[in-house]
């Protein structure tokens, strides 16, 4: 069994759609969704291209996960925290 990590552009509302879509792909055993990071981990024997194709078929943008995505997510979360602090302390 192998794990496939993907970056899927979604909001929390799409989590159910992602799970339902991927559960229909032959060979998928487990789906883990981290909506805040826009990260999906698929475990099973399914081919990565079939997984990506299934997600794109339901209208979700998806690509292979890279370490760069994790850095960008952390940076965005940190800059949002800094912006919220700035605005809350300003007013």
N, C-alpha and C. Protein backbone atom coordinates (compact mmCIF):
# COMPACT_ATOMS: atom_id res chain seq x y z
N UNK A 1 0.84 -1.17 0.00
CA UNK A 1 0.00 0.00 0.00
C UNK A 1 0.89 1.24 0.00
N UNK A 2 0.47 2.26 -0.72
CA UNK A 2 1.26 3.49 -0.77
C UNK A 2 0.37 4.69 -0.46
N UNK A 3 1.00 5.77 -0.03
CA UNK A 3 0.29 7.01 0.26
C UNK A 3 0.61 8.04 -0.82
N UNK A 4 -0.41 8.74 -1.24
CA UNK A 4 -0.27 9.79 -2.24
C UNK A 4 -0.71 11.09 -1.59
N UNK A 5 0.19 12.08 -1.57
CA UNK A 5 -0.13 13.38 -1.00
C UNK A 5 -0.45 14.36 -2.12
N UNK A 6 -1.55 15.08 -1.96
CA UNK A 6 -2.01 16.02 -2.98
C UNK A 6 -2.33 17.37 -2.37
N UNK A 7 -2.19 18.40 -3.18
CA UNK A 7 -2.66 19.74 -2.81
C UNK A 7 -3.95 19.94 -3.59
N UNK A 8 -5.04 20.15 -2.86
CA UNK A 8 -6.35 20.33 -3.48
C UNK A 8 -6.88 21.69 -3.04
N UNK A 9 -7.16 22.55 -4.01
CA UNK A 9 -7.69 23.87 -3.68
C UNK A 9 -9.14 23.70 -3.25
N UNK A 10 -9.38 23.94 -1.96
CA UNK A 10 -10.72 23.72 -1.41
C UNK A 10 -10.94 24.59 -0.19
N UNK A 11 -12.20 24.70 0.16
CA UNK A 11 -12.60 25.29 1.43
C UNK A 11 -13.20 24.15 2.25
N UNK A 12 -13.54 24.42 3.49
CA UNK A 12 -14.04 23.36 4.37
C UNK A 12 -15.28 22.68 3.79
N UNK A 13 -16.06 23.40 3.02
CA UNK A 13 -17.27 22.82 2.43
C UNK A 13 -16.96 21.72 1.43
N UNK A 14 -15.79 21.75 0.82
CA UNK A 14 -15.41 20.76 -0.19
C UNK A 14 -14.92 19.46 0.41
N UNK A 15 -14.69 19.41 1.70
CA UNK A 15 -14.13 18.21 2.32
C UNK A 15 -15.00 16.99 2.06
N UNK A 16 -16.30 17.14 2.20
CA UNK A 16 -17.22 16.02 1.97
C UNK A 16 -17.18 15.59 0.51
N UNK A 17 -17.10 16.54 -0.40
CA UNK A 17 -17.04 16.23 -1.83
C UNK A 17 -15.76 15.46 -2.16
N UNK A 18 -14.65 15.87 -1.55
CA UNK A 18 -13.37 15.19 -1.78
C UNK A 18 -13.45 13.74 -1.30
N UNK A 19 -13.94 13.56 -0.09
CA UNK A 19 -14.04 12.20 0.47
C UNK A 19 -14.94 11.31 -0.39
N UNK A 20 -16.09 11.83 -0.79
CA UNK A 20 -17.04 11.05 -1.59
C UNK A 20 -16.45 10.69 -2.95
N UNK A 21 -15.83 11.66 -3.57
CA UNK A 21 -15.22 11.45 -4.89
C UNK A 21 -14.14 10.38 -4.83
N UNK A 22 -13.24 10.49 -3.86
CA UNK A 22 -12.11 9.56 -3.79
C UNK A 22 -12.51 8.18 -3.28
N UNK A 23 -13.59 8.10 -2.53
CA UNK A 23 -14.02 6.79 -2.05
C UNK A 23 -14.52 5.91 -3.20
N UNK A 24 -14.88 6.53 -4.32
CA UNK A 24 -15.37 5.79 -5.48
C UNK A 24 -14.24 5.30 -6.38
N UNK A 25 -13.02 5.79 -6.16
CA UNK A 25 -11.88 5.38 -6.99
C UNK A 25 -11.42 4.00 -6.55
N UNK A 26 -11.30 3.11 -7.51
CA UNK A 26 -10.90 1.74 -7.20
C UNK A 26 -9.47 1.72 -6.64
N UNK A 27 -9.30 1.04 -5.51
CA UNK A 27 -7.99 0.91 -4.88
C UNK A 27 -7.74 1.86 -3.73
N UNK A 28 -8.63 2.83 -3.51
CA UNK A 28 -8.45 3.78 -2.41
C UNK A 28 -8.94 3.13 -1.12
N UNK A 29 -8.06 3.08 -0.12
CA UNK A 29 -8.40 2.48 1.17
C UNK A 29 -8.80 3.53 2.20
N UNK A 30 -8.07 4.66 2.23
CA UNK A 30 -8.31 5.69 3.25
C UNK A 30 -8.02 7.07 2.66
N UNK A 31 -8.81 8.05 3.09
CA UNK A 31 -8.64 9.44 2.66
C UNK A 31 -8.55 10.31 3.89
N UNK A 32 -7.46 11.08 4.01
CA UNK A 32 -7.28 12.03 5.10
C UNK A 32 -7.25 13.44 4.50
N UNK A 33 -8.06 14.33 5.05
CA UNK A 33 -8.17 15.69 4.53
C UNK A 33 -7.77 16.68 5.60
N UNK A 34 -6.84 17.58 5.27
CA UNK A 34 -6.47 18.70 6.12
C UNK A 34 -6.86 19.97 5.37
N UNK A 35 -8.10 20.41 5.58
CA UNK A 35 -8.63 21.52 4.81
C UNK A 35 -7.84 22.81 5.02
N UNK A 36 -7.33 23.02 6.23
CA UNK A 36 -6.59 24.26 6.50
C UNK A 36 -5.31 24.34 5.68
N UNK A 37 -4.68 23.21 5.39
CA UNK A 37 -3.47 23.17 4.57
C UNK A 37 -3.76 22.88 3.11
N UNK A 38 -5.03 22.59 2.80
CA UNK A 38 -5.44 22.15 1.47
C UNK A 38 -4.67 20.90 1.05
N UNK A 39 -4.52 20.00 2.00
CA UNK A 39 -3.75 18.78 1.78
C UNK A 39 -4.65 17.56 1.90
N UNK A 40 -4.49 16.62 0.97
CA UNK A 40 -5.23 15.37 1.00
C UNK A 40 -4.23 14.23 0.90
N UNK A 41 -4.34 13.26 1.80
CA UNK A 41 -3.47 12.08 1.76
C UNK A 41 -4.36 10.88 1.46
N UNK A 42 -4.06 10.20 0.34
CA UNK A 42 -4.82 9.05 -0.09
C UNK A 42 -3.95 7.82 0.10
N UNK A 43 -4.48 6.82 0.82
CA UNK A 43 -3.75 5.59 1.06
C UNK A 43 -4.45 4.45 0.34
N UNK A 44 -3.68 3.65 -0.36
CA UNK A 44 -4.25 2.51 -1.07
C UNK A 44 -3.39 2.14 -2.26
N UNK A 45 -4.01 1.42 -3.20
CA UNK A 45 -3.29 0.95 -4.38
C UNK A 45 -3.68 1.70 -5.65
N UNK A 46 -4.38 2.81 -5.51
CA UNK A 46 -4.84 3.58 -6.66
C UNK A 46 -3.69 4.35 -7.30
N UNK A 47 -3.77 4.49 -8.60
CA UNK A 47 -2.78 5.24 -9.37
C UNK A 47 -2.99 6.74 -9.15
N UNK A 48 -1.91 7.49 -9.00
CA UNK A 48 -2.00 8.94 -8.76
C UNK A 48 -2.76 9.65 -9.87
N UNK A 49 -2.54 9.26 -11.11
CA UNK A 49 -3.23 9.93 -12.21
C UNK A 49 -4.74 9.72 -12.16
N UNK A 50 -5.18 8.54 -11.72
CA UNK A 50 -6.62 8.28 -11.58
C UNK A 50 -7.22 9.12 -10.46
N UNK A 51 -6.46 9.29 -9.39
CA UNK A 51 -6.93 10.10 -8.27
C UNK A 51 -7.08 11.56 -8.70
N UNK A 52 -6.06 12.09 -9.37
CA UNK A 52 -6.11 13.47 -9.85
C UNK A 52 -7.25 13.67 -10.84
N UNK A 53 -7.44 12.71 -11.73
CA UNK A 53 -8.50 12.79 -12.73
C UNK A 53 -9.88 12.82 -12.07
N UNK A 54 -10.07 12.00 -11.03
CA UNK A 54 -11.35 11.97 -10.32
C UNK A 54 -11.63 13.30 -9.64
N UNK A 55 -10.62 13.90 -9.03
CA UNK A 55 -10.81 15.20 -8.37
C UNK A 55 -11.11 16.30 -9.38
N UNK A 56 -10.44 16.27 -10.49
CA UNK A 56 -10.67 17.30 -11.52
C UNK A 56 -12.04 17.14 -12.16
N UNK A 57 -12.52 15.91 -12.24
CA UNK A 57 -13.83 15.64 -12.83
C UNK A 57 -14.95 16.29 -12.02
N UNK A 58 -14.78 16.40 -10.70
CA UNK A 58 -15.81 17.04 -9.86
C UNK A 58 -15.55 18.53 -9.67
N UNK A 59 -14.58 19.07 -10.40
CA UNK A 59 -14.36 20.52 -10.40
C UNK A 59 -13.37 21.03 -9.39
N UNK A 60 -12.53 20.17 -8.83
CA UNK A 60 -11.53 20.61 -7.86
C UNK A 60 -10.15 20.65 -8.52
N UNK A 61 -9.40 21.70 -8.23
CA UNK A 61 -8.04 21.80 -8.75
C UNK A 61 -7.12 21.02 -7.83
N UNK A 62 -6.34 20.13 -8.42
CA UNK A 62 -5.47 19.27 -7.62
C UNK A 62 -4.13 19.09 -8.31
N UNK A 63 -3.09 18.91 -7.49
CA UNK A 63 -1.74 18.66 -8.00
C UNK A 63 -0.98 17.87 -6.94
N UNK A 64 0.14 17.33 -7.34
CA UNK A 64 0.97 16.58 -6.39
C UNK A 64 1.46 17.51 -5.29
N UNK A 65 1.50 17.02 -4.06
CA UNK A 65 1.97 17.81 -2.93
C UNK A 65 3.48 17.91 -2.98
N UNK A 66 4.00 19.08 -2.68
CA UNK A 66 5.45 19.26 -2.61
C UNK A 66 5.78 19.95 -1.29
N UNK A 67 7.01 19.81 -0.80
CA UNK A 67 7.39 20.50 0.45
C UNK A 67 7.20 22.02 0.36
N UNK A 68 7.29 22.56 -0.84
CA UNK A 68 7.09 23.99 -1.04
C UNK A 68 5.67 24.41 -0.64
N UNK A 69 4.69 23.53 -0.89
CA UNK A 69 3.31 23.84 -0.50
C UNK A 69 3.19 24.00 1.01
N UNK A 70 3.91 23.19 1.75
CA UNK A 70 3.85 23.27 3.21
C UNK A 70 4.45 24.59 3.70
N UNK A 71 5.55 25.01 3.08
CA UNK A 71 6.16 26.28 3.45
C UNK A 71 5.23 27.45 3.13
N UNK A 72 4.59 27.40 1.97
CA UNK A 72 3.68 28.47 1.59
C UNK A 72 2.48 28.53 2.53
N UNK A 73 1.96 27.38 2.93
CA UNK A 73 0.83 27.34 3.86
C UNK A 73 1.22 27.93 5.21
N UNK A 74 2.41 27.57 5.69
CA UNK A 74 2.88 28.08 6.97
C UNK A 74 3.10 29.59 6.89
N UNK A 75 3.66 30.06 5.78
CA UNK A 75 3.89 31.48 5.60
C UNK A 75 2.57 32.24 5.57
N UNK A 76 1.59 31.71 4.83
CA UNK A 76 0.29 32.37 4.74
C UNK A 76 -0.38 32.42 6.10
N UNK A 77 -0.32 31.34 6.85
CA UNK A 77 -0.93 31.31 8.18
C UNK A 77 -0.23 32.30 9.10
N UNK A 78 1.08 32.38 9.03
CA UNK A 78 1.83 33.32 9.86
C UNK A 78 1.56 34.76 9.49
N UNK A 79 1.45 35.04 8.21
CA UNK A 79 1.20 36.42 7.80
C UNK A 79 -0.23 36.83 8.14
N UNK A 80 -1.17 35.89 8.09
CA UNK A 80 -2.53 36.20 8.49
C UNK A 80 -2.60 36.49 9.98
N UNK A 81 -1.86 35.73 10.75
CA UNK A 81 -1.84 35.96 12.19
C UNK A 81 -1.25 37.34 12.48
N UNK A 82 -0.19 37.68 11.77
CA UNK A 82 0.42 38.98 11.98
C UNK A 82 -0.53 40.10 11.57
N UNK A 83 -1.24 39.92 10.46
CA UNK A 83 -2.19 40.94 10.03
C UNK A 83 -3.33 41.08 11.02
N UNK A 84 -3.85 39.98 11.55
CA UNK A 84 -4.93 40.06 12.53
C UNK A 84 -4.45 40.76 13.79
N UNK A 85 -3.23 40.52 14.22
CA UNK A 85 -2.70 41.17 15.40
C UNK A 85 -2.57 42.67 15.14
N UNK A 86 -2.08 43.02 13.98
CA UNK A 86 -1.90 44.43 13.65
C UNK A 86 -3.23 45.16 13.69
N UNK A 87 -4.25 44.58 13.03
CA UNK A 87 -5.54 45.25 12.96
C UNK A 87 -6.24 45.28 14.32
N UNK A 88 -6.12 44.19 15.06
CA UNK A 88 -6.81 44.18 16.37
C UNK A 88 -6.14 45.14 17.35
N UNK A 89 -4.84 45.31 17.24
CA UNK A 89 -4.17 46.23 18.16
C UNK A 89 -4.31 47.68 17.70
N UNK A 90 -4.56 47.88 16.43
CA UNK A 90 -4.71 49.22 15.89
C UNK A 90 -6.04 49.83 16.30
N UNK A 91 -7.10 49.02 16.28
CA UNK A 91 -8.45 49.54 16.57
C UNK A 91 -8.75 49.27 17.98
